[in-house]
Amino acid sequence: MPPKFKHGPRKEDPLQPMVARVPEKLNRATALLRQGRLAQAQLLYEKVLKAQPGNFDALTAMGIISARLGNLQRAVMWFDKAAVADPDNVVAYVNTGLALHSLAQLDAALASYDQAIAKRFDHAAAHFGRGNVLLELRQLDAALESYRQALALNESYVEAYCNEGVVLHQLERFDAALACFDRAIELRPDFVEGHLNRSFVHLAKGNFAEGWVEYEWRHSLDRHQVADEHGWPPQRGWLATTALAGKTILLQSEQGFGDTLQFCRYTTLLAEAGARVILEAQKPLMSLLANLEGVSQLVATGSSSPVCDYRCRLMSLPLAFDTNLATIPRPGKYLRSDPRKLGFWQSRLGPRLRPRIGLVWSGSATNRNERNRSFALAELVRSLPAGFEYFRLQKDIREADAKTLRSSPQILDFSSDFADFSDTAALCDCMDLVISSCTSVAHLSAALGRKTWILLGHAPNWRWLVDRDDSPWYAAAKLYRRRLDDTWHDVFERIAADLLREFA
């Protein structure tokens, strides 16, 4: 999980229609909007606009309603109409920038924020929004300048302190980043993103004692915290405060496949403490984890929760066991591929004539850090040396990568035969080396004890720490970091040279 930045303003929120000196009908509509009664509010705003087509507040509110209903294109249309109705009102341009940013139309969003600042330089939210776009465009120095301008205009702007810290973190100025998060928390002690970002800095630096405690704030981001069918409240869990001998504990997966693969290693510690361990895992992992050591029962995420004495989220186990760099459990092999599937793939591939290299270059398109951690297959292919057999290990790819794959006969593709992660695991076990971006397959391969080279974007996830090319979590892993001024080509060239040395 990369540092979290606040996407929209809070202190100076442009997504609030102004209510001063407006008709009673508009007042009632605004009250309904603030209560979240969108359909009723929309009906009243439509009546206002029928009488006053150029009413700025009603046009703005219609854009807000469209945005909250998920129709961002329509929101932009309404905000554009508001800007025509009142060209000097900066709120319209800030709203448009926020909606365009959400649509990933970054250049257009930046232009809208620039319009807002040109009209009113002292609008802190406009500078803040501009900084958010620049941060996503990886223009870090410019983003830092925008956040600092927002803070110069509003020294209590909590979100701006948070995002300034995110930029400083990505610039690897960790102490300065912590100071920003500390200031945000000082202003708002329950500011979840501030606590989480502070955890990411501590964990990346290896300060696990501080990091794990702060990382628990992630539970506060859960929007669906309701009791389950047994009446368990959402955050009741075991944190090593109660003996487990003779008790049943449910471990709940969270976040992505890679997180489950990394932290399922703790099951043996719980079993050794005398617990009966039930592991909840995502369905594509079920077959792979069926024989995980220490697990008595495996259940699929989303199924009815089994009766248990305690439960704990997987990524809270490092805190429960007071994990530090020296006590990370099972850094070697702790996953095994299915012997039958391994035999199938060994037979399918035939005699080994050259070193076999598995390749993974991108992960889930929905991951918020995907642009930083992944790269196009075409970029990698140009740097791959001859003399090796290369294999595609990822199931889902983008169309541009599919086109590259079709024109790259040196990369063998059996992905159509992948049913789930157990197939990927068996094929990983047929490889001499796996080269992967920061994805679930990187965790899988390393947990299988396969030699794994992991390519990391600049300022990568906290779990890879900083300034090291090995991982205390995985003895089999070697890390290749893309530094701030590097291109991916620089990383690929280092890997190509190491491939030739490794298999000389």
Protein backbone atom coordinates (compact mmCIF):
# COMPACT_ATOMS: atom_id res chain seq x y z
CA MET A 1 0.00 0.00 0.00
CA PRO A 2 1.60 3.29 -1.05
CA PRO A 3 1.16 6.50 0.96
CA LYS A 4 -2.40 7.77 0.80
CA PHE A 5 -3.10 11.29 -0.37
CA LYS A 6 -6.36 13.11 0.11
CA HIS A 7 -8.06 13.45 -3.25
CA GLY A 8 -10.54 16.22 -2.45
CA PRO A 9 -10.54 19.29 -0.24
CA ARG A 10 -12.19 19.21 3.15
CA LYS A 11 -11.47 22.48 4.93
CA GLU A 12 -12.24 24.58 1.88
CA ASP A 13 -14.54 22.18 0.06
CA PRO A 14 -15.67 23.59 -3.31
CA LEU A 15 -18.33 20.91 -3.53
CA GLN A 16 -20.72 22.94 -1.38
CA PRO A 17 -23.26 25.25 -3.02
CA MET A 18 -23.35 28.71 -1.48
CA VAL A 19 -26.59 29.47 0.33
CA ALA A 20 -26.39 33.15 1.20
CA ARG A 21 -29.28 35.25 -0.13
CA VAL A 22 -30.96 32.50 -2.13
CA PRO A 23 -34.65 31.65 -2.46
CA GLU A 24 -36.30 29.43 0.13
CA LYS A 25 -36.61 26.61 -2.40
CA LEU A 26 -32.87 26.68 -2.96
CA ASN A 27 -32.30 26.62 0.80
CA ARG A 28 -34.47 23.54 1.17
CA ALA A 29 -32.71 21.82 -1.73
CA THR A 30 -29.31 22.56 -0.20
CA ALA A 31 -30.44 21.15 3.14
CA LEU A 32 -31.56 17.96 1.42
CA LEU A 33 -28.25 17.71 -0.41
CA ARG A 34 -26.31 18.01 2.82
CA GLN A 35 -28.47 15.24 4.30
CA GLY A 36 -27.59 13.00 1.35
CA ARG A 37 -31.17 12.92 0.04
CA LEU A 38 -30.01 13.33 -3.53
CA ALA A 39 -33.16 12.49 -5.47
CA GLN A 40 -35.30 14.94 -3.50
CA ALA A 41 -32.65 17.64 -3.70
CA GLN A 42 -32.34 17.15 -7.46
CA LEU A 43 -36.07 17.67 -7.99
CA LEU A 44 -35.96 20.99 -6.16
CA TYR A 45 -32.82 22.16 -7.98
CA GLU A 46 -34.47 21.32 -11.31
CA LYS A 47 -37.41 23.53 -10.34
CA VAL A 48 -35.02 26.35 -9.45
CA LEU A 49 -33.25 26.01 -12.79
CA LYS A 50 -36.54 26.00 -14.66
CA ALA A 51 -37.24 29.45 -13.20
CA GLN A 52 -33.60 30.64 -13.19
CA PRO A 53 -31.52 28.72 -15.81
CA GLY A 54 -28.39 30.63 -14.87
CA ASN A 55 -28.55 30.11 -11.11
CA PHE A 56 -24.94 29.37 -10.18
CA ASP A 57 -25.69 27.56 -6.93
CA ALA A 58 -28.28 25.25 -8.51
CA LEU A 59 -25.97 24.44 -11.44
CA THR A 60 -23.14 23.69 -9.02
CA ALA A 61 -25.38 21.50 -6.88
CA MET A 62 -26.53 19.52 -9.91
CA GLY A 63 -22.88 18.82 -10.67
CA ILE A 64 -22.33 17.67 -7.09
CA ILE A 65 -25.30 15.33 -7.28
CA SER A 66 -24.07 13.89 -10.58
CA ALA A 67 -20.62 13.32 -9.10
CA ARG A 68 -22.02 11.58 -6.04
CA LEU A 69 -24.12 9.36 -8.28
CA GLY A 70 -20.98 8.36 -10.16
CA ASN A 71 -21.70 10.28 -13.38
CA LEU A 72 -18.57 12.42 -13.52
CA GLN A 73 -18.94 13.37 -17.19
CA ARG A 74 -22.35 14.83 -16.42
CA ALA A 75 -20.88 16.57 -13.38
CA VAL A 76 -18.32 18.29 -15.60
CA MET A 77 -21.13 19.44 -17.88
CA TRP A 78 -22.97 21.06 -14.96
CA PHE A 79 -19.82 22.69 -13.60
CA ASP A 80 -19.06 24.09 -17.07
CA LYS A 81 -22.54 25.61 -17.14
CA ALA A 82 -21.90 27.13 -13.72
CA ALA A 83 -18.68 28.70 -15.03
CA VAL A 84 -20.60 30.24 -17.93
CA ALA A 85 -23.23 31.57 -15.51
CA ASP A 86 -20.60 33.20 -13.29
CA PRO A 87 -17.19 33.30 -15.04
CA ASP A 88 -15.48 34.97 -12.08
CA ASN A 89 -16.56 32.41 -9.50
CA VAL A 90 -13.54 30.21 -8.83
CA VAL A 91 -15.63 27.41 -7.30
CA ALA A 92 -16.78 26.28 -10.75
CA TYR A 93 -13.21 25.75 -11.95
CA VAL A 94 -12.15 23.94 -8.77
CA ASN A 95 -15.16 21.63 -9.05
CA THR A 96 -14.36 20.92 -12.69
CA GLY A 97 -10.74 20.17 -11.82
CA LEU A 98 -11.79 17.73 -9.13
CA ALA A 99 -14.19 15.90 -11.45
CA LEU A 100 -11.68 15.75 -14.32
CA HIS A 101 -9.03 14.41 -11.96
CA SER A 102 -11.43 11.64 -10.93
CA LEU A 103 -11.91 10.87 -14.64
CA ALA A 104 -8.10 10.60 -15.00
CA GLN A 105 -8.14 13.53 -17.46
CA LEU A 106 -5.11 14.97 -15.74
CA ASP A 107 -4.02 17.63 -18.23
CA ALA A 108 -7.55 19.03 -18.43
CA ALA A 109 -7.85 18.96 -14.64
CA LEU A 110 -4.58 20.85 -14.28
CA ALA A 111 -5.78 23.49 -16.76
CA SER A 112 -8.99 23.94 -14.77
CA TYR A 113 -7.10 24.47 -11.52
CA ASP A 114 -4.80 26.93 -13.29
CA GLN A 115 -7.88 28.88 -14.39
CA ALA A 116 -9.09 28.99 -10.82
CA ILE A 117 -5.74 30.25 -9.54
CA ALA A 118 -5.51 32.85 -12.30
CA LYS A 119 -8.85 34.25 -11.17
CA ARG A 120 -8.17 34.03 -7.45
CA PHE A 121 -4.64 33.24 -6.35
CA ASP A 122 -5.59 33.16 -2.68
CA HIS A 123 -7.91 30.14 -3.06
CA ALA A 124 -6.17 27.44 -1.02
CA ALA A 125 -8.32 24.58 -2.33
CA ALA A 126 -7.32 25.39 -5.92
CA HIS A 127 -3.63 25.08 -5.06
CA PHE A 128 -4.36 21.87 -3.17
CA GLY A 129 -6.23 20.33 -6.10
CA ARG A 130 -3.48 21.40 -8.46
CA GLY A 131 -0.95 19.67 -6.22
CA ASN A 132 -2.97 16.45 -6.33
CA VAL A 133 -2.89 16.39 -10.12
CA LEU A 134 0.83 17.15 -10.23
CA LEU A 135 1.46 14.38 -7.71
CA GLU A 136 -0.30 11.87 -9.93
CA LEU A 137 1.67 13.17 -12.92
CA ARG A 138 4.84 12.49 -10.87
CA GLN A 139 5.86 16.15 -11.04
CA LEU A 140 6.90 16.00 -7.42
CA ASP A 141 8.69 19.33 -7.01
CA ALA A 142 5.79 21.22 -8.58
CA ALA A 143 3.29 19.32 -6.42
CA LEU A 144 5.28 20.20 -3.31
CA GLU A 145 5.20 23.88 -4.28
CA SER A 146 1.41 23.77 -4.73
CA TYR A 147 0.79 22.17 -1.34
CA ARG A 148 3.05 24.68 0.36
CA GLN A 149 1.19 27.52 -1.33
CA ALA A 150 -2.08 26.07 -0.03
CA LEU A 151 -0.59 25.95 3.47
CA ALA A 152 0.67 29.52 3.18
CA LEU A 153 -2.92 30.55 2.55
CA ASN A 154 -4.43 28.23 5.18
CA GLU A 155 -2.03 27.07 7.87
CA SER A 156 -4.65 24.67 9.29
CA TYR A 157 -5.18 22.79 6.01
CA VAL A 158 -4.83 19.24 7.33
CA GLU A 159 -5.11 17.53 3.94
CA ALA A 160 -2.39 19.74 2.48
CA TYR A 161 0.00 18.75 5.29
CA CYS A 162 -0.85 15.12 4.55
CA ASN A 163 -0.16 15.40 0.85
CA GLU A 164 2.99 17.42 1.34
CA GLY A 165 4.17 14.50 3.47
CA VAL A 166 3.30 12.05 0.70
CA VAL A 167 5.48 13.98 -1.75
CA LEU A 168 8.35 14.16 0.73
CA HIS A 169 8.01 10.42 1.30
CA GLN A 170 8.28 9.79 -2.43
CA LEU A 171 11.35 12.02 -2.49
CA GLU A 172 12.69 9.78 0.30
CA ARG A 173 12.88 12.71 2.73
CA PHE A 174 11.42 10.57 5.48
CA ASP A 175 11.98 12.76 8.53
CA ALA A 176 10.40 15.75 6.78
CA ALA A 177 7.47 13.55 5.71
CA LEU A 178 6.92 12.39 9.29
CA ALA A 179 6.91 16.01 10.47
CA CYS A 180 4.10 16.77 8.01
CA PHE A 181 2.01 13.79 9.12
CA ASP A 182 2.64 14.69 12.75
CA ARG A 183 1.40 18.23 12.12
CA ALA A 184 -1.74 16.93 10.39
CA ILE A 185 -2.48 14.64 13.34
CA GLU A 186 -1.80 17.45 15.80
CA LEU A 187 -4.48 19.50 14.04
CA ARG A 188 -6.88 16.55 13.76
CA PRO A 189 -5.99 13.65 16.09
CA ASP A 190 -8.40 11.21 14.42
CA PHE A 191 -7.11 11.94 10.91
CA VAL A 192 -6.90 8.40 9.53
CA GLU A 193 -4.76 9.12 6.46
CA GLY A 194 -2.21 10.91 8.63
CA HIS A 195 -1.82 7.91 10.92
CA LEU A 196 -1.65 5.50 7.99
CA ASN A 197 0.94 7.54 6.15
CA ARG A 198 2.98 7.75 9.32
CA SER A 199 2.83 3.94 9.52
CA PHE A 200 4.09 3.60 5.95
CA VAL A 201 7.15 5.73 6.68
CA HIS A 202 8.00 3.84 9.86
CA LEU A 203 7.50 0.44 8.22
CA ALA A 204 9.56 1.40 5.16
CA LYS A 205 12.40 2.44 7.48
CA GLY A 206 12.13 -0.81 9.42
CA ASN A 207 10.73 0.88 12.54
CA PHE A 208 8.21 -1.91 13.01
CA ALA A 209 7.34 -1.20 16.65
CA GLU A 210 5.91 2.20 15.70
CA GLY A 211 4.70 1.16 12.27
CA TRP A 212 2.47 -1.80 13.16
CA VAL A 213 0.56 0.17 15.78
CA GLU A 214 -0.16 3.03 13.38
CA TYR A 215 -1.04 0.57 10.61
CA GLU A 216 -4.08 -0.52 12.63
CA TRP A 217 -5.72 2.77 11.61
CA ARG A 218 -6.48 1.12 8.26
CA HIS A 219 -9.53 -0.46 9.90
CA SER A 220 -11.10 2.99 10.14
CA LEU A 221 -11.19 3.17 6.33
CA ASP A 222 -13.59 0.21 6.15
CA ARG A 223 -16.90 1.56 4.92
CA HIS A 224 -18.80 -1.65 5.59
CA GLN A 225 -18.19 -2.18 9.27
CA VAL A 226 -21.21 -4.17 10.38
CA ALA A 227 -21.59 -7.12 12.72
CA ASP A 228 -21.60 -10.54 11.08
CA GLU A 229 -24.29 -13.19 11.49
CA HIS A 230 -22.81 -14.24 14.84
CA GLY A 231 -23.01 -10.70 16.19
CA TRP A 232 -19.27 -10.03 16.10
CA PRO A 233 -18.53 -6.29 15.88
CA PRO A 234 -16.22 -5.43 12.98
CA GLN A 235 -13.02 -4.74 14.93
CA ARG A 236 -13.20 -7.33 17.70
CA GLY A 237 -10.14 -9.44 17.23
CA TRP A 238 -7.25 -11.24 18.82
CA LEU A 239 -4.03 -9.30 19.33
CA ALA A 240 -2.02 -11.68 21.50
CA THR A 241 -3.79 -10.51 24.64
CA THR A 242 -5.43 -13.90 25.27
CA ALA A 243 -4.07 -17.44 25.27
CA LEU A 244 -5.06 -19.50 22.25
CA ALA A 245 -4.58 -23.05 23.53
CA GLY A 246 -7.69 -25.03 22.69
CA LYS A 247 -9.35 -22.06 20.99
CA THR A 248 -10.43 -21.50 17.38
CA ILE A 249 -9.21 -18.39 15.57
CA LEU A 250 -10.43 -17.10 12.20
CA LEU A 251 -7.84 -15.26 10.10
CA GLN A 252 -9.47 -12.86 7.67
CA SER A 253 -7.78 -11.94 4.41
CA GLU A 254 -7.73 -8.30 3.42
CA GLN A 255 -6.57 -6.13 0.52
CA GLY A 256 -4.95 -8.00 -2.41
CA PHE A 257 -3.76 -11.49 -3.28
CA GLY A 258 -0.16 -10.54 -2.54
CA ASP A 259 -1.06 -9.46 1.00
CA THR A 260 -2.70 -12.82 1.70
CA LEU A 261 0.29 -14.68 0.26
CA GLN A 262 2.75 -12.64 2.32
CA PHE A 263 1.01 -12.86 5.68
CA CYS A 264 -0.43 -16.38 5.59
CA ARG A 265 3.01 -17.46 6.86
CA TYR A 266 1.82 -16.68 10.40
CA THR A 267 -0.52 -19.67 10.52
CA THR A 268 2.18 -21.94 11.94
CA LEU A 269 2.83 -19.59 14.87
CA LEU A 270 -0.84 -19.69 15.80
CA ALA A 271 -1.00 -23.47 15.48
CA GLU A 272 2.11 -23.78 17.64
CA ALA A 273 0.31 -21.68 20.26
CA GLY A 274 -2.34 -24.39 20.41
CA ALA A 275 -5.01 -22.76 18.25
CA ARG A 276 -7.25 -24.34 15.68
CA VAL A 277 -6.70 -22.03 12.71
CA ILE A 278 -9.36 -21.19 10.15
CA LEU A 279 -8.04 -19.18 7.21
CA GLU A 280 -10.35 -17.07 5.08
CA ALA A 281 -8.84 -16.46 1.63
CA GLN A 282 -9.87 -15.17 -1.78
CA LYS A 283 -11.34 -17.86 -4.04
CA PRO A 284 -8.48 -17.84 -6.62
CA LEU A 285 -6.08 -18.74 -3.76
CA MET A 286 -8.13 -21.56 -2.24
CA SER A 287 -6.55 -24.43 -4.16
CA LEU A 288 -3.01 -23.13 -3.57
CA LEU A 289 -3.54 -22.68 0.19
CA ALA A 290 -5.43 -25.94 0.74
CA ASN A 291 -2.42 -27.60 2.37
CA LEU A 292 -0.87 -24.58 4.05
CA GLU A 293 0.89 -25.68 7.23
CA GLY A 294 -0.95 -24.76 10.42
CA VAL A 295 -4.39 -24.39 8.83
CA SER A 296 -7.20 -26.63 10.03
CA GLN A 297 -9.93 -25.21 7.79
CA LEU A 298 -9.99 -23.00 4.72
CA VAL A 299 -13.00 -20.86 3.83
CA ALA A 300 -13.60 -18.54 0.89
CA THR A 301 -13.92 -14.81 1.33
CA GLY A 302 -17.56 -13.83 1.18
CA SER A 303 -18.89 -17.10 2.55
CA SER A 304 -20.61 -17.34 5.93
CA SER A 305 -18.20 -16.80 8.79
CA PRO A 306 -17.60 -20.01 10.74
CA VAL A 307 -18.09 -20.05 14.50
CA CYS A 308 -14.86 -19.21 16.29
CA ASP A 309 -13.51 -17.95 19.60
CA TYR A 310 -11.37 -15.19 18.14
CA ARG A 311 -10.63 -13.64 14.83
CA CYS A 312 -7.86 -11.49 13.48
CA ARG A 313 -7.15 -9.78 10.18
CA LEU A 314 -4.12 -11.26 8.49
CA MET A 315 -2.16 -8.03 8.34
CA SER A 316 -2.61 -7.45 12.08
CA LEU A 317 -0.59 -10.59 12.88
CA PRO A 318 2.81 -8.83 12.73
CA LEU A 319 1.58 -6.52 15.49
CA ALA A 320 0.12 -9.42 17.46
CA PHE A 321 3.46 -11.25 17.36
CA ASP A 322 5.54 -8.08 17.86
CA THR A 323 7.37 -8.75 14.62
CA ASN A 324 10.65 -6.95 13.99
CA LEU A 325 13.26 -7.32 11.25
CA ALA A 326 14.95 -10.16 13.11
CA THR A 327 11.79 -12.14 13.94
CA ILE A 328 9.93 -12.27 10.61
CA PRO A 329 8.65 -15.87 10.46
CA ARG A 330 9.51 -18.27 7.66
CA PRO A 331 11.44 -16.05 5.25
CA GLY A 332 12.28 -19.18 3.24
CA LYS A 333 9.84 -21.52 1.53
CA TYR A 334 6.39 -21.83 3.13
CA LEU A 335 4.13 -22.50 0.12
CA ARG A 336 4.12 -25.68 -1.98
CA SER A 337 2.76 -26.30 -5.44
CA ASP A 338 0.39 -29.18 -6.10
CA PRO A 339 2.57 -32.25 -6.98
CA ARG A 340 0.08 -33.38 -9.63
CA LYS A 341 0.04 -29.99 -11.34
CA LEU A 342 3.81 -29.72 -11.07
CA GLY A 343 4.13 -33.08 -12.80
CA PHE A 344 1.73 -31.96 -15.52
CA TRP A 345 3.74 -28.81 -16.25
CA GLN A 346 7.08 -30.60 -16.15
CA SER A 347 5.77 -33.05 -18.74
CA ARG A 348 4.20 -30.26 -20.79
CA LEU A 349 7.43 -28.26 -20.98
CA GLY A 350 9.64 -31.25 -21.78
CA PRO A 351 13.42 -31.46 -21.38
CA ARG A 352 15.16 -28.34 -20.09
CA LEU A 353 17.41 -27.10 -22.90
CA ARG A 354 18.04 -23.56 -21.72
CA PRO A 355 17.47 -21.64 -18.47
CA ARG A 356 13.77 -20.95 -17.94
CA ILE A 357 12.75 -17.45 -16.93
CA GLY A 358 9.21 -16.54 -15.84
CA LEU A 359 8.02 -13.00 -16.57
CA VAL A 360 5.44 -10.73 -14.94
CA TRP A 361 5.28 -7.06 -15.91
CA SER A 362 1.97 -5.65 -14.64
CA GLY A 363 -0.67 -6.18 -11.99
CA SER A 364 -4.25 -5.18 -11.44
CA ALA A 365 -5.32 -2.10 -13.39
CA THR A 366 -7.39 -1.02 -10.38
CA ASN A 367 -4.39 -0.76 -8.07
CA ARG A 368 -3.89 2.91 -7.23
CA ASN A 369 -0.11 2.53 -7.57
CA GLU A 370 -0.23 0.65 -10.87
CA ARG A 371 1.34 3.44 -12.91
CA ASN A 372 4.40 3.40 -10.69
CA ARG A 373 4.88 -0.34 -10.26
CA SER A 374 4.19 -1.70 -13.77
CA PHE A 375 5.57 -1.24 -17.27
CA ALA A 376 4.76 -2.22 -20.84
CA LEU A 377 5.92 -5.64 -22.01
CA ALA A 378 7.39 -4.01 -25.13
CA GLU A 379 9.84 -2.08 -22.95
CA LEU A 380 11.02 -5.25 -21.22
CA VAL A 381 11.27 -7.39 -24.36
CA ARG A 382 13.83 -5.08 -25.95
CA SER A 383 16.25 -5.74 -23.08
CA LEU A 384 15.88 -9.51 -22.73
CA PRO A 385 19.08 -11.30 -23.75
CA ALA A 386 19.01 -14.32 -26.05
CA GLY A 387 19.85 -17.81 -24.86
CA PHE A 388 16.93 -18.24 -22.44
CA GLU A 389 13.41 -19.64 -22.53
CA TYR A 390 10.94 -16.99 -21.36
CA PHE A 391 7.45 -17.75 -20.04
CA ARG A 392 4.44 -15.57 -19.37
CA LEU A 393 3.33 -16.10 -15.75
CA GLN A 394 0.52 -13.55 -15.47
CA LYS A 395 -2.99 -14.42 -16.53
CA ASP A 396 -4.53 -11.04 -17.36
CA ILE A 397 -2.81 -8.54 -19.65
CA ARG A 398 -3.67 -5.33 -21.44
CA GLU A 399 -4.37 -5.26 -25.17
CA ALA A 400 -1.11 -3.46 -26.00
CA ASP A 401 0.82 -6.19 -24.16
CA ALA A 402 -1.18 -8.90 -25.95
CA LYS A 403 -0.07 -7.41 -29.25
CA THR A 404 3.56 -7.43 -28.10
CA LEU A 405 3.20 -11.01 -26.94
CA ARG A 406 1.91 -12.11 -30.35
CA SER A 407 4.97 -10.63 -32.01
CA SER A 408 7.43 -12.07 -29.45
CA PRO A 409 7.81 -15.82 -30.14
CA GLN A 410 10.65 -16.03 -27.61
CA ILE A 411 8.02 -15.70 -24.83
CA LEU A 412 6.06 -18.92 -24.40
CA ASP A 413 2.46 -18.47 -23.34
CA PHE A 414 0.45 -21.17 -21.53
CA SER A 415 -1.80 -18.76 -19.64
CA SER A 416 -4.96 -20.17 -21.23
CA ASP A 417 -4.37 -23.25 -19.08
CA PHE A 418 -4.26 -21.29 -15.81
CA ALA A 419 -7.35 -21.99 -13.71
CA ASP A 420 -6.12 -20.32 -10.52
CA PHE A 421 -2.97 -19.59 -8.53
CA SER A 422 -2.20 -23.28 -8.06
CA ASP A 423 -1.42 -23.51 -11.79
CA THR A 424 0.76 -20.41 -11.61
CA ALA A 425 2.56 -21.88 -8.61
CA ALA A 426 3.31 -25.14 -10.43
CA LEU A 427 4.68 -23.28 -13.44
CA CYS A 428 6.77 -21.05 -11.14
CA ASP A 429 8.30 -24.23 -9.72
CA CYS A 430 9.38 -25.17 -13.25
CA MET A 431 11.36 -21.95 -13.62
CA ASP A 432 15.02 -21.31 -12.86
CA LEU A 433 14.16 -17.69 -12.11
CA VAL A 434 11.08 -15.48 -11.93
CA ILE A 435 11.35 -11.80 -12.89
CA SER A 436 8.33 -9.82 -11.73
CA SER A 437 7.06 -6.35 -11.06
CA CYS A 438 5.60 -5.78 -7.58
CA THR A 439 2.60 -8.10 -7.97
CA SER A 440 1.03 -11.13 -6.34
CA VAL A 441 3.13 -13.47 -8.48
CA ALA A 442 6.28 -11.95 -6.99
CA HIS A 443 5.00 -12.93 -3.52
CA LEU A 444 3.94 -16.35 -4.78
CA SER A 445 7.26 -17.19 -6.38
CA ALA A 446 9.32 -16.00 -3.42
CA ALA A 447 7.07 -17.85 -0.94
CA LEU A 448 7.63 -21.01 -3.00
CA GLY A 449 11.35 -20.51 -2.44
CA ARG A 450 11.99 -19.85 -6.14
CA LYS A 451 14.71 -17.40 -7.05
CA THR A 452 12.75 -14.19 -7.66
CA TRP A 453 13.91 -10.83 -8.97
CA ILE A 454 11.42 -8.10 -8.15
CA LEU A 455 11.32 -4.80 -10.05
CA LEU A 456 10.24 -1.88 -7.87
CA GLY A 457 9.07 1.54 -8.95
CA HIS A 458 10.32 4.66 -7.24
CA ALA A 459 9.31 4.91 -3.56
CA PRO A 460 7.76 1.42 -3.57
CA ASN A 461 5.42 -0.19 -1.08
CA TRP A 462 6.58 -0.15 2.55
CA ARG A 463 7.12 -3.91 2.68
CA TRP A 464 10.26 -3.66 0.54
CA LEU A 465 11.90 -1.22 2.98
CA VAL A 466 14.51 1.24 1.69
CA ASP A 467 18.10 1.14 0.49
CA ARG A 468 18.47 -2.63 0.22
CA ASP A 469 18.41 -5.16 -2.61
CA ASP A 470 17.25 -8.08 -0.47
CA SER A 471 14.08 -8.69 1.56
CA PRO A 472 13.83 -9.94 5.15
CA TRP A 473 10.39 -11.29 4.19
CA TYR A 474 11.69 -13.51 1.38
CA ALA A 475 15.12 -15.15 1.38
CA ALA A 476 14.73 -15.97 -2.32
CA ALA A 477 14.08 -12.39 -3.45
CA LYS A 478 16.40 -9.86 -5.00
CA LEU A 479 15.16 -6.30 -5.45
CA TYR A 480 15.82 -4.01 -8.39
CA ARG A 481 14.83 -0.46 -7.55
CA ARG A 482 13.96 2.29 -9.96
CA ARG A 483 15.49 5.38 -8.45
CA LEU A 484 13.97 8.83 -8.83
CA ASP A 485 15.95 9.75 -11.95
CA ASP A 486 15.95 6.23 -13.45
CA THR A 487 13.88 4.99 -16.35
CA TRP A 488 12.63 1.41 -16.48
CA HIS A 489 15.20 0.87 -19.24
CA ASP A 490 17.96 1.49 -16.68
CA VAL A 491 16.50 -1.25 -14.49
CA PHE A 492 16.10 -3.66 -17.43
CA GLU A 493 19.73 -3.17 -18.42
CA ARG A 494 20.88 -4.12 -14.90
CA ILE A 495 18.69 -7.22 -15.02
CA ALA A 496 19.98 -8.25 -18.46
CA ALA A 497 23.58 -8.00 -17.27
CA ASP A 498 22.79 -10.01 -14.12
CA LEU A 499 20.99 -12.67 -16.16
CA LEU A 500 24.07 -13.24 -18.27
CA ARG A 501 26.29 -13.40 -15.18
CA GLU A 502 23.90 -15.66 -13.24
CA PHE A 503 23.64 -18.28 -15.98
CA ALA A 504 27.04 -17.92 -17.59
